[in-house]
Amino acid sequence: MIFLFLANLFLILVDASIGYHVAPALMRRFAPDPDTVELSVRGMRTMLGAVVALYMFFNCLGYFRYSMLTLAVVGGVVLIDMAAQLVVRHRLGAPK
C-alpha cells in the first residue's frame, strides 16, 4: 500500500508540473485579449494548486484509512488528467 501512496505522490507532482507549463499555451490559444492572458494564467495556476490539494487529500485519505480502492482511483484520475494535459499540449504545440 505504501508503494501505491508514493507512486500517487510522484504522479501528482508530475501532473502539477505538466499543468503549470500547459496553462500558458492554453491561455494564449483561447484568450480573446492578449492583455488578459497573464491574469488567466495566474487564475488557472491557482486552480491547479487547489486540484493538487484535492488529489493529495484523497491520496492521504486512502492511505490512512487503508483503502486500496481509494488509492487506485486517485492514481487512475491523476493518470487520466496527466494524459489529457499531454494530449492538449501536443495538439496546441509546445508552449513558448
Protein backbone atom coordinates (compact mmCIF):
# COMPACT_ATOMS: atom_id res chain seq x y z
CA MET A 1 0.00 0.00 0.00
CA ILE A 2 2.86 2.41 0.73
CA PHE A 3 4.15 1.85 -2.81
CA LEU A 4 0.84 3.00 -4.32
CA PHE A 5 0.74 6.01 -1.99
CA LEU A 6 4.27 7.05 -3.01
CA ALA A 7 3.57 6.38 -6.69
CA ASN A 8 0.48 8.60 -6.47
CA LEU A 9 2.53 11.30 -4.76
CA PHE A 10 5.08 11.21 -7.58
CA LEU A 11 2.33 11.21 -10.24
CA ILE A 12 0.60 14.18 -8.60
CA LEU A 13 3.83 16.19 -8.64
CA VAL A 14 4.49 15.32 -12.29
CA ASP A 15 0.88 16.15 -13.17
CA ALA A 16 1.16 19.53 -11.44
CA SER A 17 4.37 20.40 -13.26
CA ILE A 18 2.82 19.48 -16.63
CA GLY A 19 -0.24 21.58 -15.82
CA TYR A 20 1.94 24.50 -14.77
CA HIS A 21 3.55 24.55 -18.22
CA VAL A 22 0.44 23.73 -20.27
CA ALA A 23 -1.64 26.57 -18.78
CA PRO A 24 0.13 29.39 -20.68
CA ALA A 25 -0.23 27.55 -24.00
CA LEU A 26 -3.94 27.05 -23.37
CA MET A 27 -4.47 30.68 -22.43
CA ARG A 28 -2.51 32.02 -25.40
CA ARG A 29 -4.65 29.92 -27.68
CA PHE A 30 -8.08 30.71 -26.23
CA ALA A 31 -7.80 34.12 -24.52
CA PRO A 32 -9.59 36.77 -26.59
CA ASP A 33 -7.32 39.61 -25.48
CA PRO A 34 -3.53 39.26 -25.14
CA ASP A 35 -3.60 41.57 -22.11
CA THR A 36 -5.76 39.13 -20.17
CA VAL A 37 -3.52 36.13 -20.84
CA GLU A 38 -1.30 36.70 -17.79
CA LEU A 39 -4.29 37.14 -15.49
CA SER A 40 -5.89 34.00 -16.92
CA VAL A 41 -2.67 32.01 -16.49
CA ARG A 42 -2.40 33.07 -12.85
CA GLY A 43 -6.02 32.07 -12.27
CA MET A 44 -5.52 28.69 -13.89
CA ARG A 45 -2.34 28.05 -11.91
CA THR A 46 -4.17 28.93 -8.69
CA MET A 47 -6.88 26.46 -9.62
CA LEU A 48 -4.14 23.90 -10.30
CA GLY A 49 -2.99 24.30 -6.69
CA ALA A 50 -6.50 23.53 -5.48
CA VAL A 51 -6.69 20.43 -7.68
CA VAL A 52 -3.32 19.19 -6.38
CA ALA A 53 -4.52 19.75 -2.81
CA LEU A 54 -7.63 17.66 -3.52
CA TYR A 55 -5.56 14.88 -5.10
CA MET A 56 -3.26 14.83 -2.08
CA PHE A 57 -6.20 14.89 0.34
CA PHE A 58 -7.77 11.83 -1.26
CA ASN A 59 -4.39 10.14 -1.59
CA CYS A 60 -3.77 10.60 2.15
CA LEU A 61 -7.35 9.61 2.97
CA GLY A 62 -6.91 6.34 1.10
CA TYR A 63 -3.55 5.65 2.71
CA PHE A 64 -4.53 6.38 6.31
CA ARG A 65 -7.84 4.52 6.01
CA TYR A 66 -6.08 1.55 4.40
CA SER A 67 -8.30 1.81 1.33
CA MET A 68 -6.53 0.35 -1.66
CA LEU A 69 -9.57 1.17 -3.82
CA THR A 70 -9.32 4.89 -2.98
CA LEU A 71 -5.60 4.88 -3.76
CA ALA A 72 -6.22 3.12 -7.06
CA VAL A 73 -8.99 5.56 -8.03
CA VAL A 74 -6.80 8.57 -7.17
CA GLY A 75 -3.98 7.11 -9.24
CA GLY A 76 -6.33 6.50 -12.15
CA VAL A 77 -7.76 10.01 -12.04
CA VAL A 78 -4.28 11.53 -11.92
CA LEU A 79 -3.14 9.40 -14.87
CA ILE A 80 -6.22 10.42 -16.89
CA ASP A 81 -5.62 14.08 -16.02
CA MET A 82 -1.96 13.81 -16.98
CA ALA A 83 -2.80 12.11 -20.28
CA ALA A 84 -5.40 14.76 -21.11
CA GLN A 85 -2.89 17.54 -20.43
CA LEU A 86 -0.29 15.87 -22.63
CA VAL A 87 -2.84 15.49 -25.45
CA VAL A 88 -3.77 19.17 -25.16
CA ARG A 89 -0.11 20.17 -25.12
CA HIS A 90 0.59 18.02 -28.19
CA ARG A 91 -2.38 19.47 -30.09
CA LEU A 92 -1.53 23.06 -29.22
CA GLY A 93 2.17 22.63 -29.86
CA ALA A 94 4.95 23.09 -27.34
CA PRO A 95 4.42 26.07 -25.00
CA LYS A 96 6.56 29.07 -25.86
